[in-house]
Amino acid sequence: MPDASRLEAVMRYHERTKHHFNRFAPGPGQLDWANQPDPFRRYAGAALVRLPVLGPDEEPVSPAYESLYVRGAAPCAPLTIRALSRLLEYALALSAWKQAGGTRWALRANPSSGNLHPTEGYLLVGGIAELGPSPGLFHYAPLEHGLERRADCPDALFARLTRGLAAGAFLVGLSSVHWREAWKYGERAFRYCQHDVGHAIGTVRIAASALGWSALVLDDTADETIEALLGLDRGADFDGAERESAELVMAVWPGEAAAKASSLDGEAVQELQRQRWYGKANRLSRDDPVPYGAIDRVAAASRKP
């Protein structure tokens, strides 16, 4: 689709789904509580490594909030399982539980529209013995505060995938489950998914800053490459389960060394696809998601080539 046509499709979606002075945008009209999506994605058959749950005074100790916005104010923590736990605690973890009557629900560190949390997090990381003898791609499971190994990544391939990044860098990937938002907001769900990804970028950057680390979105990475890197294009792994839409990849590294790359090696990502993969995505809703063509169209029009 030519760029002008793609932009027009996005603008049509914006006009179609925005609120007006004298009316709300169309919505589902009611909530189908029996079909509410599960807020927690898991991959059956993927080994889970639980991360240590750290107290506020345990290392690595976080600096004062004000110092997070001052470069060099926070000491640089080494990349360990404890530091990785702290990063995910502040970026994507559960932060509290609430209850009203017989209903109980969780809150998370990354704010979400309607507390529906369409954003899923992934890590491509190596050099941490507790996660296995080789680097790998992991899915973050916030309920368990653990990492599920989705794919093996040999050391040489991990070096290719992080080539051009600062020393000690690893990758954080974010995706969206559109159905989690569409269940409540209908066609407007795509807006909220983009909104929530912005929140997650912010929490990852603040969490990295608390460790004296840096974080940067790799702007020039195509959506097709992100899908392959995170395994979102693996049809058999999502058979019968709601799919995820690729959003972005961030590089995270200890210290404040300057970033050198803004994209990934596409051939190296394809090589990762040929490695051993684990797990099958869980189904989130009892019944099939309600289809919304407007979401499909704007998602296709806004894909990064």
C-alpha atoms as a PDB file:
ATOM      1  CA  MET A   1       0.000   0.000   0.000  1.00  0.00           C
ATOM      2  CA  PRO A   2       1.473   3.415  -0.903  1.00  0.00           C
ATOM      3  CA  ASP A   3       2.406   5.606   2.062  1.00  0.00           C
ATOM      4  CA  ALA A   4      -0.376   8.102   1.274  1.00  0.00           C
ATOM      5  CA  SER A   5      -2.990   5.328   1.271  1.00  0.00           C
ATOM      6  CA  ARG A   6      -1.669   3.936   4.527  1.00  0.00           C
ATOM      7  CA  LEU A   7      -1.786   7.352   6.160  1.00  0.00           C
ATOM      8  CA  GLU A   8      -5.326   7.856   4.869  1.00  0.00           C
ATOM      9  CA  ALA A   9      -6.374   4.514   6.385  1.00  0.00           C
ATOM     10  CA  VAL A  10      -4.960   5.540   9.759  1.00  0.00           C
ATOM     11  CA  MET A  11      -6.715   8.908   9.625  1.00  0.00           C
ATOM     12  CA  ARG A  12     -10.002   7.220   8.711  1.00  0.00           C
ATOM     13  CA  TYR A  13      -9.623   4.996  11.762  1.00  0.00           C
ATOM     14  CA  HIS A  14      -8.913   8.048  13.920  1.00  0.00           C
ATOM     15  CA  GLU A  15     -12.056   9.815  12.725  1.00  0.00           C
ATOM     16  CA  ARG A  16     -14.167   6.675  13.009  1.00  0.00           C
ATOM     17  CA  THR A  17     -13.153   5.875  16.595  1.00  0.00           C
ATOM     18  CA  LYS A  18     -12.775   9.251  18.278  1.00  0.00           C
ATOM     19  CA  HIS A  19     -15.259  10.742  20.744  1.00  0.00           C
ATOM     20  CA  HIS A  20     -17.213  13.841  19.685  1.00  0.00           C
ATOM     21  CA  PHE A  21     -18.644  16.760  21.599  1.00  0.00           C
ATOM     22  CA  ASN A  22     -22.187  15.401  21.489  1.00  0.00           C
ATOM     23  CA  ARG A  23     -21.606  11.631  21.390  1.00  0.00           C
ATOM     24  CA  PHE A  24     -19.240   8.878  22.349  1.00  0.00           C
ATOM     25  CA  ALA A  25     -17.439   6.722  19.790  1.00  0.00           C
ATOM     26  CA  PRO A  26     -19.200   3.408  19.067  1.00  0.00           C
ATOM     27  CA  GLY A  27     -18.444   0.607  21.504  1.00  0.00           C
ATOM     28  CA  PRO A  28     -19.557  -2.940  22.295  1.00  0.00           C
ATOM     29  CA  GLY A  29     -22.514  -1.603  24.313  1.00  0.00           C
ATOM     30  CA  GLN A  30     -22.102  -4.131  27.108  1.00  0.00           C
ATOM     31  CA  LEU A  31     -19.434  -6.314  28.676  1.00  0.00           C
ATOM     32  CA  ASP A  32     -19.473 -10.057  28.067  1.00  0.00           C
ATOM     33  CA  TRP A  33     -18.054 -10.995  31.447  1.00  0.00           C
ATOM     34  CA  ALA A  34     -18.073 -14.714  30.687  1.00  0.00           C
ATOM     35  CA  ASN A  35     -15.677 -14.103  27.790  1.00  0.00           C
ATOM     36  CA  GLN A  36     -13.314 -11.639  29.514  1.00  0.00           C
ATOM     37  CA  PRO A  37      -9.747 -12.396  28.373  1.00  0.00           C
ATOM     38  CA  ASP A  38      -7.240 -13.826  30.820  1.00  0.00           C
ATOM     39  CA  PRO A  39      -4.810 -11.003  31.734  1.00  0.00           C
ATOM     40  CA  PHE A  40      -1.903 -13.465  31.938  1.00  0.00           C
ATOM     41  CA  ARG A  41      -0.346 -15.111  28.901  1.00  0.00           C
ATOM     42  CA  ARG A  42       1.606 -18.327  29.481  1.00  0.00           C
ATOM     43  CA  TYR A  43       3.377 -20.762  27.181  1.00  0.00           C
ATOM     44  CA  ALA A  44       2.593 -24.366  28.095  1.00  0.00           C
ATOM     45  CA  GLY A  45       5.714 -26.516  27.846  1.00  0.00           C
ATOM     46  CA  ALA A  46       8.170 -23.626  28.245  1.00  0.00           C
ATOM     47  CA  ALA A  47      10.396 -23.907  31.319  1.00  0.00           C
ATOM     48  CA  LEU A  48       9.756 -21.130  33.866  1.00  0.00           C
ATOM     49  CA  VAL A  49      12.537 -19.595  35.965  1.00  0.00           C
ATOM     50  CA  ARG A  50      11.143 -17.604  38.884  1.00  0.00           C
ATOM     51  CA  LEU A  51      12.972 -14.384  39.588  1.00  0.00           C
ATOM     52  CA  PRO A  52      13.961 -13.475  43.155  1.00  0.00           C
ATOM     53  CA  VAL A  53      11.437 -11.215  44.887  1.00  0.00           C
ATOM     54  CA  LEU A  54      13.545  -8.458  46.440  1.00  0.00           C
ATOM     55  CA  GLY A  55      12.803  -6.273  49.423  1.00  0.00           C
ATOM     56  CA  PRO A  56      13.232  -2.502  49.073  1.00  0.00           C
ATOM     57  CA  ASP A  57      16.517  -2.550  51.018  1.00  0.00           C
ATOM     58  CA  GLU A  58      18.025  -5.527  49.175  1.00  0.00           C
ATOM     59  CA  GLU A  59      20.647  -5.097  46.478  1.00  0.00           C
ATOM     60  CA  PRO A  60      20.395  -3.581  44.004  1.00  0.00           C
ATOM     61  CA  VAL A  61      18.922  -0.746  46.084  1.00  0.00           C
ATOM     62  CA  SER A  62      17.115   1.928  44.091  1.00  0.00           C
ATOM     63  CA  PRO A  63      18.170   5.571  44.330  1.00  0.00           C
ATOM     64  CA  ALA A  64      15.850   8.423  45.265  1.00  0.00           C
ATOM     65  CA  TYR A  65      13.169   9.045  42.652  1.00  0.00           C
ATOM     66  CA  GLU A  66      14.435  12.528  41.782  1.00  0.00           C
ATOM     67  CA  SER A  67      17.842  11.168  40.822  1.00  0.00           C
ATOM     68  CA  LEU A  68      16.362   8.936  38.090  1.00  0.00           C
ATOM     69  CA  TYR A  69      16.315  11.975  35.817  1.00  0.00           C
ATOM     70  CA  VAL A  70      19.942  12.973  36.494  1.00  0.00           C
ATOM     71  CA  ARG A  71      22.467  11.179  34.305  1.00  0.00           C
ATOM     72  CA  GLY A  72      25.062   9.311  36.346  1.00  0.00           C
ATOM     73  CA  ALA A  73      23.251   9.780  39.672  1.00  0.00           C
ATOM     74  CA  ALA A  74      22.421   6.069  40.057  1.00  0.00           C
ATOM     75  CA  PRO A  75      25.343   3.636  40.383  1.00  0.00           C
ATOM     76  CA  CYS A  76      25.590   1.110  37.553  1.00  0.00           C
ATOM     77  CA  ALA A  77      24.476  -2.335  38.741  1.00  0.00           C
ATOM     78  CA  PRO A  78      26.065  -5.408  37.127  1.00  0.00           C
ATOM     79  CA  LEU A  79      23.806  -7.559  34.953  1.00  0.00           C
ATOM     80  CA  THR A  80      22.731 -10.331  37.341  1.00  0.00           C
ATOM     81  CA  ILE A  81      19.539 -12.263  37.987  1.00  0.00           C
ATOM     82  CA  ARG A  82      18.791  -9.879  40.866  1.00  0.00           C
ATOM     83  CA  ALA A  83      19.243  -6.784  38.716  1.00  0.00           C
ATOM     84  CA  LEU A  84      17.079  -8.300  35.991  1.00  0.00           C
ATOM     85  CA  SER A  85      14.406  -9.036  38.602  1.00  0.00           C
ATOM     86  CA  ARG A  86      14.519  -5.418  39.745  1.00  0.00           C
ATOM     87  CA  LEU A  87      14.244  -4.168  36.164  1.00  0.00           C
ATOM     88  CA  LEU A  88      11.123  -6.241  35.484  1.00  0.00           C
ATOM     89  CA  GLU A  89       9.675  -5.461  38.914  1.00  0.00           C
ATOM     90  CA  TYR A  90       9.692  -1.745  38.158  1.00  0.00           C
ATOM     91  CA  ALA A  91       8.808  -2.098  34.458  1.00  0.00           C
ATOM     92  CA  LEU A  92       6.120  -4.772  34.023  1.00  0.00           C
ATOM     93  CA  ALA A  93       5.452  -6.587  37.313  1.00  0.00           C
ATOM     94  CA  LEU A  94       2.383  -6.791  39.521  1.00  0.00           C
ATOM     95  CA  SER A  95       2.368  -3.934  42.017  1.00  0.00           C
ATOM     96  CA  ALA A  96      -0.737  -4.651  44.141  1.00  0.00           C
ATOM     97  CA  TRP A  97      -3.892  -6.735  44.488  1.00  0.00           C
ATOM     98  CA  LYS A  98      -7.366  -5.266  44.995  1.00  0.00           C
ATOM     99  CA  GLN A  99     -10.646  -6.911  45.910  1.00  0.00           C
ATOM    100  CA  ALA A 100     -14.329  -5.942  45.881  1.00  0.00           C
ATOM    101  CA  GLY A 101     -16.704  -8.614  47.097  1.00  0.00           C
ATOM    102  CA  GLY A 102     -15.700 -11.868  45.454  1.00  0.00           C
ATOM    103  CA  THR A 103     -13.761 -10.186  42.636  1.00  0.00           C
ATOM    104  CA  ARG A 104      -9.983  -9.873  42.938  1.00  0.00           C
ATOM    105  CA  TRP A 105      -7.659  -8.249  40.435  1.00  0.00           C
ATOM    106  CA  ALA A 106      -4.044  -7.181  40.098  1.00  0.00           C
ATOM    107  CA  LEU A 107      -2.446  -3.840  39.338  1.00  0.00           C
ATOM    108  CA  ARG A 108       0.902  -3.517  37.545  1.00  0.00           C
ATOM    109  CA  ALA A 109       3.847  -1.165  37.447  1.00  0.00           C
ATOM    110  CA  ASN A 110       3.021  -0.158  33.852  1.00  0.00           C
ATOM    111  CA  PRO A 111      -0.303   1.727  33.766  1.00  0.00           C
ATOM    112  CA  SER A 112      -2.994   0.334  31.485  1.00  0.00           C
ATOM    113  CA  SER A 113      -6.252   1.542  29.948  1.00  0.00           C
ATOM    114  CA  GLY A 114      -9.055  -0.090  31.908  1.00  0.00           C
ATOM    115  CA  ASN A 115      -6.412  -2.172  33.727  1.00  0.00           C
ATOM    116  CA  LEU A 116      -6.709  -4.682  30.865  1.00  0.00           C
ATOM    117  CA  HIS A 117      -2.955  -4.910  30.155  1.00  0.00           C
ATOM    118  CA  PRO A 118      -2.683  -5.801  26.473  1.00  0.00           C
ATOM    119  CA  THR A 119       1.131  -5.415  26.562  1.00  0.00           C
ATOM    120  CA  GLU A 120       3.344  -8.527  26.700  1.00  0.00           C
ATOM    121  CA  GLY A 121       7.073  -8.401  27.439  1.00  0.00           C
ATOM    122  CA  TYR A 122       9.946 -10.490  26.061  1.00  0.00           C
ATOM    123  CA  LEU A 123      13.704 -10.552  26.694  1.00  0.00           C
ATOM    124  CA  LEU A 124      16.590 -11.794  24.583  1.00  0.00           C
ATOM    125  CA  VAL A 125      19.352 -12.043  27.147  1.00  0.00           C
ATOM    126  CA  GLY A 126      22.499 -14.014  27.922  1.00  0.00           C
ATOM    127  CA  GLY A 127      25.237 -14.240  30.507  1.00  0.00           C
ATOM    128  CA  ILE A 128      22.964 -15.084  33.458  1.00  0.00           C
ATOM    129  CA  ALA A 129      23.676 -18.578  34.787  1.00  0.00           C
ATOM    130  CA  GLU A 130      20.311 -18.931  36.535  1.00  0.00           C
ATOM    131  CA  LEU A 131      18.530 -18.661  33.181  1.00  0.00           C
ATOM    132  CA  GLY A 132      20.461 -21.521  31.595  1.00  0.00           C
ATOM    133  CA  PRO A 133      23.826 -22.309  30.023  1.00  0.00           C
ATOM    134  CA  SER A 134      23.096 -20.361  26.840  1.00  0.00           C
ATOM    135  CA  PRO A 135      21.354 -17.104  25.961  1.00  0.00           C
ATOM    136  CA  GLY A 136      17.707 -17.313  25.038  1.00  0.00           C
ATOM    137  CA  LEU A 137      14.479 -15.566  24.216  1.00  0.00           C
ATOM    138  CA  PHE A 138      12.191 -15.380  27.253  1.00  0.00           C
ATOM    139  CA  HIS A 139       8.592 -14.347  27.844  1.00  0.00           C
ATOM    140  CA  TYR A 140       7.940 -12.453  31.077  1.00  0.00           C
ATOM    141  CA  ALA A 141       5.164 -13.972  33.212  1.00  0.00           C
ATOM    142  CA  PRO A 142       4.148 -11.208  35.669  1.00  0.00           C
ATOM    143  CA  LEU A 143       1.855 -13.341  37.860  1.00  0.00           C
ATOM    144  CA  GLU A 144       4.755 -15.667  38.675  1.00  0.00           C
ATOM    145  CA  HIS A 145       7.423 -12.939  38.301  1.00  0.00           C
ATOM    146  CA  GLY A 146       9.355 -15.345  36.144  1.00  0.00           C
ATOM    147  CA  LEU A 147      10.802 -15.868  32.687  1.00  0.00           C
ATOM    148  CA  GLU A 148       9.637 -18.604  30.310  1.00  0.00           C
ATOM    149  CA  ARG A 149      12.277 -19.816  27.850  1.00  0.00           C
ATOM    150  CA  ARG A 150      10.768 -19.562  24.391  1.00  0.00           C
ATOM    151  CA  ALA A 151      13.888 -20.219  22.311  1.00  0.00           C
ATOM    152  CA  ASP A 152      17.547 -21.130  22.618  1.00  0.00           C
ATOM    153  CA  CYS A 153      20.089 -18.697  21.202  1.00  0.00           C
ATOM    154  CA  PRO A 154      23.711 -19.871  20.808  1.00  0.00           C
ATOM    155  CA  ASP A 155      26.381 -17.481  22.041  1.00  0.00           C
ATOM    156  CA  ALA A 156      27.605 -16.646  18.533  1.00  0.00           C
ATOM    157  CA  LEU A 157      24.083 -15.834  17.368  1.00  0.00           C
ATOM    158  CA  PHE A 158      23.415 -13.695  20.452  1.00  0.00           C
ATOM    159  CA  ALA A 159      26.585 -11.752  19.652  1.00  0.00           C
ATOM    160  CA  ARG A 160      25.275 -11.128  16.104  1.00  0.00           C
ATOM    161  CA  LEU A 161      21.884  -9.992  17.381  1.00  0.00           C
ATOM    162  CA  THR A 162      23.465  -7.482  19.763  1.00  0.00           C
ATOM    163  CA  ARG A 163      26.269  -6.378  17.431  1.00  0.00           C
ATOM    164  CA  GLY A 164      26.657  -2.633  17.337  1.00  0.00           C
ATOM    165  CA  LEU A 165      25.047  -2.185  20.745  1.00  0.00           C
ATOM    166  CA  ALA A 166      26.869  -1.226  23.920  1.00  0.00           C
ATOM    167  CA  ALA A 167      28.745  -3.892  25.887  1.00  0.00           C
ATOM    168  CA  GLY A 168      26.456  -6.074  27.982  1.00  0.00           C
ATOM    169  CA  ALA A 169      23.338  -5.097  26.008  1.00  0.00           C
ATOM    170  CA  PHE A 170      20.248  -7.267  25.798  1.00  0.00           C
ATOM    171  CA  LEU A 171      16.895  -6.802  24.075  1.00  0.00           C
ATOM    172  CA  VAL A 172      13.409  -6.126  25.433  1.00  0.00           C
ATOM    173  CA  GLY A 173      10.482  -6.726  23.079  1.00  0.00           C
ATOM    174  CA  LEU A 174       6.905  -5.525  23.499  1.00  0.00           C
ATOM    175  CA  SER A 175       3.755  -6.791  21.799  1.00  0.00           C
ATOM    176  CA  SER A 176       0.019  -6.144  22.136  1.00  0.00           C
ATOM    177  CA  VAL A 177      -2.972  -8.481  22.444  1.00  0.00           C
ATOM    178  CA  HIS A 178      -5.603  -6.335  20.740  1.00  0.00           C
ATOM    179  CA  TRP A 179      -8.450  -8.534  21.966  1.00  0.00           C
ATOM    180  CA  ARG A 180      -7.748  -7.735  25.623  1.00  0.00           C
ATOM    181  CA  GLU A 181      -8.729  -4.125  24.926  1.00  0.00           C
ATOM    182  CA  ALA A 182     -11.331  -4.797  22.221  1.00  0.00           C
ATOM    183  CA  TRP A 183     -13.336  -6.923  24.688  1.00  0.00           C
ATOM    184  CA  LYS A 184     -14.185  -3.693  26.531  1.00  0.00           C
ATOM    185  CA  TYR A 185     -13.560  -0.867  24.052  1.00  0.00           C
ATOM    186  CA  GLY A 186     -14.403  -2.393  20.671  1.00  0.00           C
ATOM    187  CA  GLU A 187     -12.876  -0.585  17.696  1.00  0.00           C
ATOM    188  CA  ARG A 188     -11.117   1.955  19.923  1.00  0.00           C
ATOM    189  CA  ALA A 189      -8.895  -0.830  21.282  1.00  0.00           C
ATOM    190  CA  PHE A 190      -6.023  -0.109  18.882  1.00  0.00           C
ATOM    191  CA  ARG A 191      -5.737   3.394  20.363  1.00  0.00           C
ATOM    192  CA  TYR A 192      -5.465   2.019  23.878  1.00  0.00           C
ATOM    193  CA  CYS A 193      -2.899  -0.616  22.897  1.00  0.00           C
ATOM    194  CA  GLN A 194      -0.654   2.113  21.467  1.00  0.00           C
ATOM    195  CA  HIS A 195      -1.228   4.192  24.588  1.00  0.00           C
ATOM    196  CA  ASP A 196      -0.229   1.284  26.831  1.00  0.00           C
ATOM    197  CA  VAL A 197       2.920   0.494  24.840  1.00  0.00           C
ATOM    198  CA  GLY A 198       3.961   4.094  25.466  1.00  0.00           C
ATOM    199  CA  HIS A 199       3.475   3.499  29.179  1.00  0.00           C
ATOM    200  CA  ALA A 200       5.620   0.365  28.999  1.00  0.00           C
ATOM    201  CA  ILE A 201       8.423   2.206  27.181  1.00  0.00           C
ATOM    202  CA  GLY A 202       8.392   4.737  30.007  1.00  0.00           C
ATOM    203  CA  THR A 203       8.475   2.174  32.799  1.00  0.00           C
ATOM    204  CA  VAL A 204      11.297   0.211  31.129  1.00  0.00           C
ATOM    205  CA  ARG A 205      13.349   3.402  30.790  1.00  0.00           C
ATOM    206  CA  ILE A 206      12.704   4.453  34.404  1.00  0.00           C
ATOM    207  CA  ALA A 207      13.464   0.942  35.672  1.00  0.00           C
ATOM    208  CA  ALA A 208      16.719   0.929  33.694  1.00  0.00           C
ATOM    209  CA  SER A 209      17.627   4.342  35.099  1.00  0.00           C
ATOM    210  CA  ALA A 210      17.125   3.038  38.641  1.00  0.00           C
ATOM    211  CA  LEU A 211      19.907   0.518  37.938  1.00  0.00           C
ATOM    212  CA  GLY A 212      22.223   3.028  36.279  1.00  0.00           C
ATOM    213  CA  TRP A 213      21.378   1.452  32.901  1.00  0.00           C
ATOM    214  CA  SER A 214      20.331   2.873  29.545  1.00  0.00           C
ATOM    215  CA  ALA A 215      17.357   1.937  27.335  1.00  0.00           C
ATOM    216  CA  LEU A 216      16.636   2.876  23.747  1.00  0.00           C
ATOM    217  CA  VAL A 217      13.921   1.950  21.247  1.00  0.00           C
ATOM    218  CA  LEU A 218      15.458   0.468  18.067  1.00  0.00           C
ATOM    219  CA  ASP A 219      13.409   2.676  15.756  1.00  0.00           C
ATOM    220  CA  ASP A 220      14.538   1.219  12.443  1.00  0.00           C
ATOM    221  CA  THR A 221      13.454  -2.353  13.144  1.00  0.00           C
ATOM    222  CA  ALA A 222      10.642  -3.588  10.887  1.00  0.00           C
ATOM    223  CA  ASP A 223       7.529  -5.129  12.421  1.00  0.00           C
ATOM    224  CA  GLU A 224       8.167  -8.330  10.438  1.00  0.00           C
ATOM    225  CA  THR A 225      11.590  -8.593  12.074  1.00  0.00           C
ATOM    226  CA  ILE A 226      10.099  -8.032  15.546  1.00  0.00           C
ATOM    227  CA  GLU A 227       7.512 -10.760  14.907  1.00  0.00           C
ATOM    228  CA  ALA A 228      10.244 -13.206  13.937  1.00  0.00           C
ATOM    229  CA  LEU A 229      12.457 -12.239  16.885  1.00  0.00           C
ATOM    230  CA  LEU A 230       9.668 -12.708  19.436  1.00  0.00           C
ATOM    231  CA  GLY A 231       8.166 -15.782  17.774  1.00  0.00           C
ATOM    232  CA  LEU A 232       4.841 -14.044  17.147  1.00  0.00           C
ATOM    233  CA  ASP A 233       4.696 -15.378  13.579  1.00  0.00           C
ATOM    234  CA  ARG A 234       4.902 -19.017  14.702  1.00  0.00           C
ATOM    235  CA  GLY A 235       1.394 -20.153  13.774  1.00  0.00           C
ATOM    236  CA  ALA A 236       1.589 -23.554  15.472  1.00  0.00           C
ATOM    237  CA  ASP A 237       2.585 -21.936  18.775  1.00  0.00           C
ATOM    238  CA  PHE A 238      -0.595 -19.818  18.686  1.00  0.00           C
ATOM    239  CA  ASP A 239      -2.971 -22.480  17.329  1.00  0.00           C
ATOM    240  CA  GLY A 240      -6.356 -21.739  18.930  1.00  0.00           C
ATOM    241  CA  ALA A 241      -4.918 -18.832  20.951  1.00  0.00           C
ATOM    242  CA  GLU A 242      -5.342 -15.098  20.494  1.00  0.00           C
ATOM    243  CA  ARG A 243      -2.475 -13.596  18.492  1.00  0.00           C
ATOM    244  CA  GLU A 244      -0.140 -10.784  19.497  1.00  0.00           C
ATOM    245  CA  SER A 245       0.835  -7.786  17.393  1.00  0.00           C
ATOM    246  CA  ALA A 246       4.498  -6.762  17.247  1.00  0.00           C
ATOM    247  CA  GLU A 247       5.143  -3.300  18.677  1.00  0.00           C
ATOM    248  CA  LEU A 248       8.847  -2.600  19.222  1.00  0.00           C
ATOM    249  CA  VAL A 249      12.244  -3.749  20.442  1.00  0.00           C
ATOM    250  CA  MET A 250      14.400  -1.865  22.929  1.00  0.00           C
ATOM    251  CA  ALA A 251      18.086  -2.258  23.691  1.00  0.00           C
ATOM    252  CA  VAL A 252      18.988  -2.128  27.397  1.00  0.00           C
ATOM    253  CA  TRP A 253      22.564  -2.045  28.656  1.00  0.00           C
ATOM    254  CA  PRO A 254      24.509  -1.353  31.871  1.00  0.00           C
ATOM    255  CA  GLY A 255      25.980   2.129  32.090  1.00  0.00           C
ATOM    256  CA  GLU A 256      25.666   5.140  29.821  1.00  0.00           C
ATOM    257  CA  ALA A 257      27.728   4.191  26.789  1.00  0.00           C
ATOM    258  CA  ALA A 258      26.416   5.781  23.610  1.00  0.00           C
ATOM    259  CA  ALA A 259      24.087   3.719  21.442  1.00  0.00           C
ATOM    260  CA  LYS A 260      25.483   2.773  18.043  1.00  0.00           C
ATOM    261  CA  ALA A 261      22.659   0.836  16.344  1.00  0.00           C
ATOM    262  CA  SER A 262      18.976   1.464  15.762  1.00  0.00           C
ATOM    263  CA  SER A 263      17.968  -1.808  14.059  1.00  0.00           C
ATOM    264  CA  LEU A 264      18.632  -5.539  14.133  1.00  0.00           C
ATOM    265  CA  ASP A 265      20.410  -7.905  11.753  1.00  0.00           C
ATOM    266  CA  GLY A 266      17.495  -9.446   9.831  1.00  0.00           C
ATOM    267  CA  GLU A 267      19.501 -12.507   8.781  1.00  0.00           C
ATOM    268  CA  ALA A 268      20.468 -13.159  12.407  1.00  0.00           C
ATOM    269  CA  VAL A 269      16.798 -12.951  13.405  1.00  0.00           C
ATOM    270  CA  GLN A 270      15.962 -15.531  10.741  1.00  0.00           C
ATOM    271  CA  GLU A 271      18.718 -17.737  12.157  1.00  0.00           C
ATOM    272  CA  LEU A 272      17.028 -17.497  15.574  1.00  0.00           C
ATOM    273  CA  GLN A 273      13.843 -18.792  13.942  1.00  0.00           C
ATOM    274  CA  ARG A 274      15.722 -21.999  13.093  1.00  0.00           C
ATOM    275  CA  GLN A 275      16.768 -22.670  16.687  1.00  0.00           C
ATOM    276  CA  ARG A 276      14.856 -24.804  19.177  1.00  0.00           C
ATOM    277  CA  TRP A 277      11.617 -23.220  20.394  1.00  0.00           C
ATOM    278  CA  TYR A 278       9.477 -24.121  23.391  1.00  0.00           C
ATOM    279  CA  GLY A 279       5.878 -23.685  24.483  1.00  0.00           C
ATOM    280  CA  LYS A 280       2.384 -23.103  23.162  1.00  0.00           C
ATOM    281  CA  ALA A 281       0.390 -19.962  23.943  1.00  0.00           C
ATOM    282  CA  ASN A 282      -2.639 -20.301  26.213  1.00  0.00           C
ATOM    283  CA  ARG A 283      -6.118 -19.355  25.041  1.00  0.00           C
ATOM    284  CA  LEU A 284      -7.266 -16.196  26.809  1.00  0.00           C
ATOM    285  CA  SER A 285     -11.053 -16.238  26.277  1.00  0.00           C
ATOM    286  CA  ARG A 286     -13.620 -19.022  26.442  1.00  0.00           C
ATOM    287  CA  ASP A 287     -15.162 -18.064  23.087  1.00  0.00           C
ATOM    288  CA  ASP A 288     -13.571 -16.653  19.947  1.00  0.00           C
ATOM    289  CA  PRO A 289     -12.748 -12.927  20.010  1.00  0.00           C
ATOM    290  CA  VAL A 290     -15.258 -10.570  18.423  1.00  0.00           C
ATOM    291  CA  PRO A 291     -13.773  -9.541  15.041  1.00  0.00           C
ATOM    292  CA  TYR A 292     -13.214  -5.828  14.424  1.00  0.00           C
ATOM    293  CA  GLY A 293     -12.248  -5.071  10.843  1.00  0.00           C
ATOM    294  CA  ALA A 294     -11.347  -1.473  11.714  1.00  0.00           C
ATOM    295  CA  ILE A 295      -8.598  -2.716  14.055  1.00  0.00           C
ATOM    296  CA  ASP A 296      -7.250  -5.131  11.451  1.00  0.00           C
ATOM    297  CA  ARG A 297      -7.156  -2.374   8.822  1.00  0.00           C
ATOM    298  CA  VAL A 298      -5.376   0.224  10.955  1.00  0.00           C
ATOM    299  CA  ALA A 299      -2.921  -2.382  12.274  1.00  0.00           C
ATOM    300  CA  ALA A 300      -2.027  -3.350   8.695  1.00  0.00           C
ATOM    301  CA  ALA A 301      -1.794   0.285   7.548  1.00  0.00           C
ATOM    302  CA  SER A 302       0.515   1.274  10.414  1.00  0.00           C
ATOM    303  CA  ARG A 303       2.987  -1.613  10.107  1.00  0.00           C
ATOM    304  CA  LYS A 304       6.601  -0.496   9.878  1.00  0.00           C
ATOM    305  CA  PRO A 305       8.229  -1.890   6.704  1.00  0.00           C
END
